[in-house]
Structures are given as structure tokens and as C-alpha cells.
Protein backbone atom coordinates (compact mmCIF):
# COMPACT_ATOMS: atom_id res chain seq x y z
CA MET A 1 -38.49 -2.09 49.48
CA SER A 2 -37.21 -2.32 46.12
CA LYS A 3 -33.04 -3.15 45.91
CA GLY A 4 -32.66 -0.85 43.48
CA ARG A 5 -33.49 -0.16 39.80
CA VAL A 6 -32.13 -2.04 36.89
CA VAL A 7 -31.63 -2.00 33.14
CA VAL A 8 -31.69 -5.86 31.82
CA ALA A 9 -30.52 -6.20 28.20
CA MET A 10 -33.13 -8.46 26.89
CA SER A 11 -32.60 -10.17 23.34
CA GLY A 12 -35.60 -12.10 23.56
CA GLY A 13 -33.34 -15.73 24.23
CA VAL A 14 -34.06 -17.37 27.50
CA ASP A 15 -30.45 -16.39 29.56
CA SER A 16 -31.77 -12.56 29.55
CA SER A 17 -34.94 -13.50 30.18
CA VAL A 18 -34.36 -15.47 33.47
CA ALA A 19 -32.07 -12.70 33.88
CA ALA A 20 -34.81 -10.31 34.21
CA ALA A 21 -36.91 -12.93 36.30
CA LEU A 22 -34.54 -13.62 38.90
CA LEU A 23 -34.12 -10.13 39.55
CA LYS A 24 -37.69 -8.94 39.87
CA ASP A 25 -38.13 -12.00 42.10
CA GLU A 26 -34.98 -10.76 44.58
CA GLY A 27 -36.65 -7.48 44.73
CA TYR A 28 -35.40 -5.14 41.93
CA GLU A 29 -37.25 -2.79 39.94
CA VAL A 30 -36.40 -4.27 36.63
CA ILE A 31 -36.62 -2.32 33.11
CA GLY A 32 -36.34 -4.66 30.35
CA VAL A 33 -34.44 -3.04 27.14
CA THR A 34 -34.32 -4.47 23.76
CA MET A 35 -31.41 -3.36 21.48
CA ARG A 36 -31.69 -2.63 18.14
CA LEU A 37 -28.44 -3.29 16.41
CA TRP A 38 -28.56 -4.64 13.17
CA SER A 39 -31.22 -4.75 10.40
CA GLU A 40 -30.03 -5.62 7.31
CA GLU A 41 -31.59 -8.92 5.86
CA ASP A 42 -30.22 -11.79 4.28
CA SER A 43 -32.82 -13.96 2.03
CA ASN A 44 -30.23 -16.26 1.65
CA ALA A 45 -29.86 -17.08 5.45
CA ALA A 46 -30.52 -20.76 6.66
CA PRO A 47 -34.44 -21.11 7.76
CA LEU A 48 -32.91 -21.98 11.38
CA SER A 49 -30.50 -19.46 11.48
CA LYS A 50 -30.40 -16.32 14.66
CA ARG A 51 -31.22 -13.19 13.36
CA CYS A 52 -29.83 -10.47 14.96
CA CYS A 53 -32.25 -8.19 16.63
CA SER A 54 -35.54 -9.65 14.61
CA VAL A 55 -39.12 -8.45 15.30
CA GLU A 56 -39.76 -12.25 16.92
CA ASP A 57 -36.68 -11.45 19.32
CA VAL A 58 -38.41 -8.16 20.28
CA ASN A 59 -41.81 -9.38 20.92
CA ASP A 60 -40.26 -12.30 23.06
CA ALA A 61 -38.54 -9.74 25.39
CA ARG A 62 -41.46 -7.57 25.37
CA ARG A 63 -43.78 -10.61 26.34
CA VAL A 64 -41.82 -11.56 29.15
CA CYS A 65 -41.68 -8.42 30.73
CA ASP A 66 -45.21 -8.37 31.04
CA ALA A 67 -45.25 -11.89 32.39
CA ILE A 68 -43.19 -10.45 35.37
CA GLY A 69 -44.29 -7.03 35.87
CA ALA A 70 -41.33 -5.48 34.19
CA ARG A 71 -41.47 -2.39 32.15
CA HIS A 72 -39.73 -2.49 28.80
CA TYR A 73 -38.23 -0.06 26.29
CA PHE A 74 -36.62 -0.76 22.40
CA PHE A 75 -33.36 1.37 21.74
CA ASN A 76 -31.67 1.75 18.53
CA PHE A 77 -28.08 1.40 18.79
CA GLU A 78 -27.69 0.49 14.53
CA ARG A 79 -25.34 3.39 14.08
CA GLU A 80 -23.20 2.82 16.89
CA PHE A 81 -23.10 -0.56 16.54
CA GLN A 82 -22.28 -0.17 12.40
CA LYS A 83 -18.74 1.86 13.71
CA HIS A 84 -18.19 0.31 16.61
CA VAL A 85 -18.51 -3.64 16.06
CA VAL A 86 -19.38 -4.10 12.42
CA ASP A 87 -16.58 -1.51 10.70
CA TYR A 88 -14.17 -2.61 13.00
CA PHE A 89 -14.68 -6.62 12.32
CA VAL A 90 -14.46 -6.01 8.39
CA ARG A 91 -11.15 -3.67 9.28
CA GLU A 92 -9.84 -6.20 11.37
CA TYR A 93 -10.12 -9.08 8.36
CA GLU A 94 -8.58 -6.82 5.96
CA ARG A 95 -5.29 -6.39 8.08
CA GLY A 96 -5.41 -10.20 8.02
CA ARG A 97 -6.40 -10.63 11.41
CA THR A 98 -9.38 -12.61 12.89
CA PRO A 99 -11.77 -10.65 15.20
CA HIS A 100 -13.95 -11.53 17.98
CA PRO A 101 -17.29 -9.56 17.46
CA CYS A 102 -18.44 -10.26 20.70
CA LEU A 103 -15.82 -8.23 22.56
CA ALA A 104 -16.34 -5.41 20.80
CA CYS A 105 -20.17 -5.50 20.96
CA ASN A 106 -19.25 -6.02 24.75
CA ASP A 107 -17.34 -3.49 25.72
CA LYS A 108 -18.99 -0.92 23.75
CA MET A 109 -22.90 -1.42 23.18
CA LYS A 110 -23.64 -3.63 26.66
CA PHE A 111 -20.90 -1.80 29.10
CA ASP A 112 -20.85 1.84 27.43
CA PHE A 113 -23.59 3.40 25.22
CA LEU A 114 -26.43 0.97 27.82
CA LEU A 115 -24.77 2.23 31.05
CA ARG A 116 -25.01 5.78 29.98
CA ARG A 117 -28.77 5.21 29.10
CA ALA A 118 -29.02 2.78 32.75
CA THR A 119 -28.05 6.57 34.18
CA LEU A 120 -30.27 8.73 32.53
CA MET A 121 -33.24 6.24 33.34
CA ASP A 122 -31.92 6.87 36.96
CA ALA A 123 -31.04 3.17 37.16
CA ASP A 124 -28.82 1.51 39.95
CA TYR A 125 -27.57 -1.50 37.82
CA ILE A 126 -27.60 -3.03 34.35
CA ALA A 127 -27.58 -6.50 33.90
CA THR A 128 -27.39 -9.15 31.38
CA GLY A 129 -27.76 -13.04 30.48
CA HIS A 130 -24.16 -13.84 30.75
CA TYR A 131 -22.71 -16.93 32.59
CA ALA A 132 -20.24 -15.10 34.36
CA ARG A 133 -20.20 -13.94 38.37
CA ILE A 134 -18.77 -11.02 39.84
CA ARG A 135 -17.34 -11.17 43.75
CA HIS A 136 -16.85 -8.16 45.99
CA ASP A 137 -14.33 -8.06 48.76
CA ALA A 138 -12.62 -5.43 50.97
CA ASN A 139 -10.27 -5.19 47.64
CA GLY A 140 -13.02 -4.23 45.34
CA TYR A 141 -14.80 -6.15 42.51
CA GLY A 142 -13.75 -9.31 41.42
CA LEU A 143 -15.07 -11.01 37.67
CA LEU A 144 -15.41 -15.18 37.92
CA LYS A 145 -16.39 -17.89 35.24
CA GLY A 146 -19.89 -18.84 35.70
CA VAL A 147 -20.58 -22.10 37.43
CA ASP A 148 -21.40 -23.95 34.23
CA ALA A 149 -17.88 -24.58 32.45
CA GLY A 150 -19.49 -25.44 29.40
CA LYS A 151 -21.34 -22.10 29.23
CA ASP A 152 -19.14 -19.82 30.92
CA GLN A 153 -18.77 -16.36 29.25
CA SER A 154 -15.76 -14.63 31.09
CA TYR A 155 -13.76 -14.90 28.13
CA VAL A 156 -15.60 -12.19 26.82
CA LEU A 157 -15.96 -9.63 29.60
CA PHE A 158 -12.21 -9.00 30.45
CA THR A 159 -12.92 -5.62 29.36
CA LEU A 160 -14.78 -4.82 32.32
CA THR A 161 -13.31 -2.24 34.73
CA GLN A 162 -13.82 -1.93 38.31
CA ALA A 163 -16.41 0.91 37.67
CA GLU A 164 -18.32 -1.14 35.35
CA LEU A 165 -18.56 -4.00 38.00
CA GLY A 166 -19.76 -1.87 40.64
CA ARG A 167 -22.66 -1.58 38.31
CA LEU A 168 -23.05 -4.54 36.72
CA LEU A 169 -25.49 -7.85 37.78
CA LEU A 170 -24.66 -11.16 36.18
CA PRO A 171 -27.83 -13.54 38.15
CA VAL A 172 -28.08 -16.44 35.59
CA GLY A 173 -23.70 -16.93 36.30
CA ASP A 174 -24.69 -18.88 39.13
CA TYR A 175 -26.39 -21.65 37.32
CA PRO A 176 -25.74 -24.33 35.14
CA LYS A 177 -28.01 -23.78 31.88
CA GLN A 178 -30.43 -26.54 32.40
CA ARG A 179 -31.45 -25.15 35.71
CA ILE A 180 -31.86 -21.75 33.63
CA ARG A 181 -33.97 -23.54 31.11
CA GLU A 182 -36.17 -25.23 34.11
CA LEU A 183 -36.60 -21.85 35.94
CA ALA A 184 -37.84 -20.80 32.29
CA SER A 185 -40.40 -23.07 32.34
CA GLU A 186 -41.32 -22.54 36.07
CA ALA A 187 -41.91 -19.15 35.55
CA GLY A 188 -43.88 -19.54 32.27
CA LEU A 189 -41.86 -17.77 30.18
CA ALA A 190 -42.78 -18.65 26.87
CA VAL A 191 -38.77 -18.67 25.77
CA ALA A 192 -37.67 -21.68 27.80
CA ASP A 193 -37.15 -23.92 25.11
CA LYS A 194 -35.71 -21.17 22.69
CA PRO A 195 -32.69 -22.56 21.21
CA ASP A 196 -29.56 -20.58 21.76
CA SER A 197 -27.50 -18.58 18.76
CA GLN A 198 -25.09 -20.35 17.63
CA GLU A 199 -23.21 -17.97 14.79
CA ILE A 200 -22.16 -14.25 15.29
CA CYS A 201 -25.58 -12.34 15.13
CA PHE A 202 -25.22 -10.08 12.27
CA ILE A 203 -23.57 -13.03 10.03
CA PRO A 204 -27.15 -15.33 10.39
CA ASP A 205 -25.80 -17.79 7.70
CA GLY A 206 -22.04 -17.59 9.39
CA ASP A 207 -20.49 -17.09 5.73
CA TYR A 208 -18.35 -14.33 7.12
CA ARG A 209 -16.28 -14.33 3.97
CA LYS A 210 -19.04 -13.77 2.09
CA PHE A 211 -19.94 -10.64 4.49
CA VAL A 212 -16.75 -9.47 4.79
CA GLY A 213 -15.91 -9.73 0.88
CA GLU A 214 -19.03 -7.51 -0.39
CA ARG A 215 -17.68 -4.57 2.08
CA ALA A 216 -14.32 -4.74 1.54
CA LYS A 217 -12.42 -4.74 -1.93
CA PRO A 218 -10.28 -7.80 -1.80
CA LYS A 219 -6.59 -7.70 -3.66
CA PRO A 220 -5.36 -10.58 -5.20
CA GLY A 221 -2.02 -12.05 -3.53
CA ASP A 222 0.63 -15.07 -3.15
CA LEU A 223 0.40 -18.69 -1.41
CA VAL A 224 3.52 -19.22 -0.30
CA ASP A 225 5.41 -21.60 1.90
CA ARG A 226 7.44 -21.33 5.31
CA THR A 227 10.44 -20.42 2.56
CA GLY A 228 8.73 -17.53 0.81
CA ASN A 229 7.83 -20.44 -2.22
CA VAL A 230 5.01 -19.46 -4.12
CA LEU A 231 2.44 -22.20 -4.01
CA GLY A 232 -0.91 -20.32 -5.63
CA THR A 233 -2.36 -16.81 -5.07
CA HIS A 234 -5.22 -16.06 -3.61
CA ALA A 235 -8.27 -13.74 -4.17
CA GLY A 236 -7.67 -11.63 -0.47
CA ILE A 237 -6.20 -12.05 2.69
CA GLN A 238 -9.91 -11.15 4.26
CA PHE A 239 -10.96 -14.72 3.19
CA PHE A 240 -8.21 -16.26 5.50
CA THR A 241 -7.36 -17.09 9.04
CA VAL A 242 -4.38 -19.08 11.12
CA GLY A 243 -5.18 -22.15 11.22
CA GLN A 244 -7.43 -22.97 8.14
CA ARG A 245 -7.21 -25.69 6.18
CA ARG A 246 -10.27 -26.01 3.64
CA GLY A 247 -10.68 -23.14 0.81
CA LEU A 248 -7.09 -22.35 0.29
CA GLY A 249 -7.60 -22.40 -3.19
CA LEU A 250 -4.52 -24.70 -4.30
CA LYS A 251 -4.90 -26.84 -7.53
CA GLY A 252 -3.94 -30.27 -7.06
CA ASN A 253 -2.41 -32.67 -4.64
CA THR A 254 -0.35 -31.08 -2.29
CA GLY A 255 0.71 -33.90 -0.39
CA GLU A 256 0.63 -33.67 3.69
CA PRO A 257 -2.55 -31.20 4.82
CA LEU A 258 -1.19 -27.61 4.39
CA PHE A 259 -2.96 -24.83 6.76
CA VAL A 260 -2.59 -21.39 7.20
CA THR A 261 0.52 -20.42 9.18
CA SER A 262 0.47 -16.51 8.88
CA ILE A 263 -1.21 -13.93 7.25
CA ASN A 264 1.21 -10.61 5.79
CA ALA A 265 -0.90 -7.21 5.45
CA ASN A 266 1.85 -5.78 4.46
CA ASN A 267 2.66 -7.43 1.31
CA ASN A 268 -0.71 -9.46 0.62
CA GLN A 269 0.76 -12.97 1.21
CA VAL A 270 -0.45 -15.66 2.77
CA THR A 271 2.04 -18.25 4.50
CA LEU A 272 1.23 -22.14 4.46
CA GLY A 273 2.88 -24.96 6.41
CA ALA A 274 2.46 -28.35 7.80
CA HIS A 275 0.31 -28.56 11.63
CA GLU A 276 3.43 -28.56 13.61
CA ASP A 277 4.05 -25.30 11.86
CA LEU A 278 1.11 -23.96 13.91
CA MET A 279 2.49 -25.08 17.41
CA ARG A 280 4.05 -21.66 19.39
CA ARG A 281 4.52 -20.92 22.67
CA ASP A 282 5.24 -17.34 23.10
CA LEU A 283 2.89 -14.31 21.95
CA TRP A 284 2.00 -10.84 22.95
CA ALA A 285 -1.73 -8.98 23.98
CA SER A 286 -2.03 -5.62 23.28
CA ARG A 287 -5.12 -3.69 25.04
CA VAL A 288 -4.59 -5.33 28.23
CA ASN A 289 -6.85 -5.04 30.89
CA PHE A 290 -7.28 -5.78 34.28
CA PRO A 291 -10.82 -6.32 35.69
CA GLY A 292 -9.30 -5.97 39.39
CA GLY A 293 -8.10 -2.64 38.71
CA THR A 294 -4.05 -3.56 39.10
CA ALA A 295 -1.80 -5.65 37.03
CA PRO A 296 0.89 -7.42 38.94
CA ASP A 297 4.19 -6.30 39.63
CA GLY A 298 6.29 -8.99 37.44
CA PRO A 299 5.43 -12.64 36.02
CA THR A 300 2.45 -14.51 37.46
CA GLU A 301 1.81 -18.02 36.70
CA VAL A 302 -1.80 -18.03 35.11
CA THR A 303 -3.58 -20.44 33.06
CA ALA A 304 -4.81 -18.62 30.31
CA LYS A 305 -7.29 -19.40 26.65
CA ILE A 306 -6.66 -17.99 23.57
CA ARG A 307 -9.41 -18.84 21.68
CA TYR A 308 -13.69 -18.86 23.56
CA ARG A 309 -13.92 -22.73 23.23
CA ALA A 310 -10.60 -23.36 24.15
CA ASN A 311 -9.25 -25.21 27.17
CA ASP A 312 -7.24 -23.09 30.01
CA ALA A 313 -3.78 -23.95 29.57
CA PRO A 314 -0.93 -23.16 32.27
CA ALA A 315 1.05 -19.97 31.57
CA THR A 316 3.81 -17.47 32.41
CA MET A 317 1.61 -13.72 32.10
CA ASN A 318 4.49 -10.79 32.35
CA PRO A 319 2.91 -7.43 32.28
CA MET A 320 4.89 -4.74 29.97
CA ILE A 321 4.47 -1.07 29.22
CA CYS A 322 4.55 0.05 25.32
CA ASP A 323 4.23 3.45 24.38
CA GLY A 324 2.05 4.20 27.96
CA GLU A 325 -0.65 1.23 27.06
CA ASP A 326 -0.59 -1.99 29.21
CA TRP A 327 0.56 -5.19 27.07
CA ALA A 328 1.46 -8.78 28.14
CA GLU A 329 3.72 -11.26 27.37
CA ILE A 330 2.50 -14.84 27.81
CA THR A 331 4.37 -18.28 27.54
CA PHE A 332 2.42 -21.27 27.91
CA HIS A 333 4.44 -24.14 29.41
CA GLU A 334 3.20 -26.61 26.27
CA PRO A 335 2.70 -25.46 22.37
CA GLN A 336 -0.16 -24.28 21.81
CA ARG A 337 -2.14 -24.65 18.38
CA ALA A 338 -3.15 -21.66 15.71
CA VAL A 339 -2.30 -18.66 18.11
CA THR A 340 -4.44 -16.09 16.25
CA PRO A 341 -3.82 -11.95 16.07
CA GLY A 342 -6.82 -10.64 16.74
CA GLN A 343 -8.67 -13.14 18.78
CA ALA A 344 -8.50 -12.79 22.34
CA VAL A 345 -6.23 -14.16 24.98
CA VAL A 346 -7.62 -14.57 28.49
CA PHE A 347 -5.87 -15.37 31.73
CA TYR A 348 -7.49 -16.70 34.66
CA GLN A 349 -5.97 -17.64 38.33
CA GLY A 350 -8.43 -20.27 39.36
CA ASP A 351 -11.98 -19.07 38.51
CA GLN A 352 -11.22 -15.72 38.65
CA VAL A 353 -10.17 -13.00 35.86
CA LEU A 354 -7.00 -11.65 36.46
CA GLY A 355 -7.02 -9.96 33.18
CA GLY A 356 -6.83 -9.99 28.84
CA GLY A 357 -5.74 -8.63 25.88
CA ILE A 358 -5.75 -8.79 22.16
CA ILE A 359 -3.61 -11.36 20.64
CA GLU A 360 -0.06 -10.30 18.68
CA THR A 361 2.65 -12.48 17.67
CA GLN A 362 5.38 -10.20 17.39
CA ALA A 363 6.64 -8.05 20.45
CA PRO A 364 5.89 -4.27 21.00
CA MET A 365 9.12 -1.89 20.61
CA PRO A 366 9.86 -0.33 22.76
CA ALA A 367 8.46 -1.89 25.00
CA THR A 368 9.17 -2.46 29.67
CA THR A 369 8.21 -5.39 31.59
CA LEU A 370 6.95 -3.84 35.18
CA SER A 371 9.20 -5.72 37.10
CA GLU A 372 12.16 -3.24 35.14
CA ALA A 373 10.12 -0.01 35.52
């Protein structure tokens, strides 16, 4: 008896390929789906760079489906990807923020459009090759870190809801990466040794400044120090991110190293400062989501991370409401370096994702904490 029909998002890489193979072995009816998200060619891309949705990737996914006896379909989601991921990416840089495109891609493409398409295909579940786990108990569904701490991707999945978790399978999250490659080899999958993607999939050469600069007209402005003294000029705020040290455009020796400490889209100024100016303990999170379905009713001790490759750090998270939307205030026990607006902050209790949101460095007004409501 089949355990149900599952649509597997297959990029042509080893992780999604093994996810499909594992589910097939477990007794699911597997349908592989490769989504065409981006097709713009870049002749200057490095030869070994990872292009998004290349013909090679599509063929690899199709070959894996043939090998495991699964159907394979190819869907074109370029228009949706342009609107919800690429346009968002460029727009955030124009606002002096640093977005994480995988958050938008997961939220809109893999767990929205794909889920709706899976419903039309009478599928019971969707699955991806993310390194994370889902636990189901009497309290509902919980999102957990993957067992391989070095590959854990729960950080980019905090937007998942109970409804989505109930229809999502994450089979590779229970394995370390090396074992996934071994499973691919044991199954005779040609992608067993295929390199992992390292860059933003739609910017294969890694030059995001060029990518954004070609899509948003730069507006020159001033480089200033913490007291407002002008140190130089810049071509546009979209070429900077908090914590940046290289490529500041200053002429001559400035003495101690300078870093971007803040970006103001209102007056087009980029503030530079010393390393210690990058350290802060407090931040706020907008667009907060709690995958478990409910927010804590007051200040809660958590560990939190402010970027994908950061380590968890002890903090206090206080849920808030502003204009009917979920926010949170996060106070770290120790100062964190380069808290960057537009990135995600994700908070955990043990291995479980309690929630997450988008980093803001100014408090929302007006706002009410849940303990005060």
C-alpha cells in the first residue's frame, strides 16, 4: 500500500535527489518536480559556478526520477520568481537593507506555489531536500534543526505554518551530509558527487552589486562618521551592507579600519565606524512567525542567530504586537556583531525553531508586548 503521493521539489542536486529516493523506498508514490525559476544567462559567470535551473540540472533530476521509477515534471515559475524573489531582492537593497533571497524563495515558491500545484496533482505531501526535521505530537507540528549542525537549514524555514508543516516531508534532515552522498552512491544516482551550490542561485558569479546596479539606478550620497562628518562620497546605498569593510571608496589612509555601521535610505548616507561600533545587544523583528502556531505570552529565554552561518547565542525574546502584526524584541546576553536590517533573526529552544522574523534596528511605534496586552 502506498503511504501517499508526494511531490518532491528536485533541483538536480544530491540532497533533493536522495530525498526522492528515500521517500520512494519508504513506500510513497513520488513525483519529481523541477521548477524553472530563472533563465537569464551571464557569460561572465565562473565556469564552476552554480547556475539556477540549468539544462544540466533539469536533466539530472529527470535521470534520478528514471532511476527510482518516478514521474518527473518541469514547471515554469519564472514570472512568480521575478516578482517575489528578484524584485524583492533589488528593492531591499534600494532601501539600504540586506535581504536573504532564500527566505522569499522558500516562503513563496516552494511552500506556496508548489503546494498549490501539488494540490492540483492530488498529492498528499510535498518534500524538499532541506536539512531540517519535523516532529508531530499532541501539540501539533514542530520544526527542528537537522542532525548535521554544519548543514542545518532550519534558519531559512521559520516562515512555515502548521498547515504547511502538516503536508511537508524533510527526509534528509535525519542524516549527516556525508551519509546523504553515500546513499546517493549506493542507489547508483549520478549526482552523488555533484558539488553543492555556494552562491545565490540567480547570481552565479556572486557579484550581487553588479546585479543590483543593473536593475536599480544608483543615487550618490555621502560617507559619514558617527558624528556626521563627511568622509567621502559613494555611488549608491545598494552597494553597501552593515559590517562591510572592503570597497568603501575612501581615498587615502584612514588610520584604523572602518566598517559600514548603518545605512540611511532617507538621506542616502552610509555611516562608517570602528569595529566596536558594530556591536549591539538589542534588535527588533518584524513579520514574525511562530511555526508552532502560537507565540509565548511574555519574555522567553531562547538562543537566536542573526545570519545563516552565525552561531546560536543566548537571548531574551519578547513578543509584541504593532498595528495588528507580530513583532518581537530580542535582547542578547552578549553583544552581537553587525546586526543587519533585512536579514532574518531566528530563535530556538533547544533544537526546535520557536520563531523568527526580519531584523529591524528601530523599535516599532506604537507597540504592545503580549505580556501587557
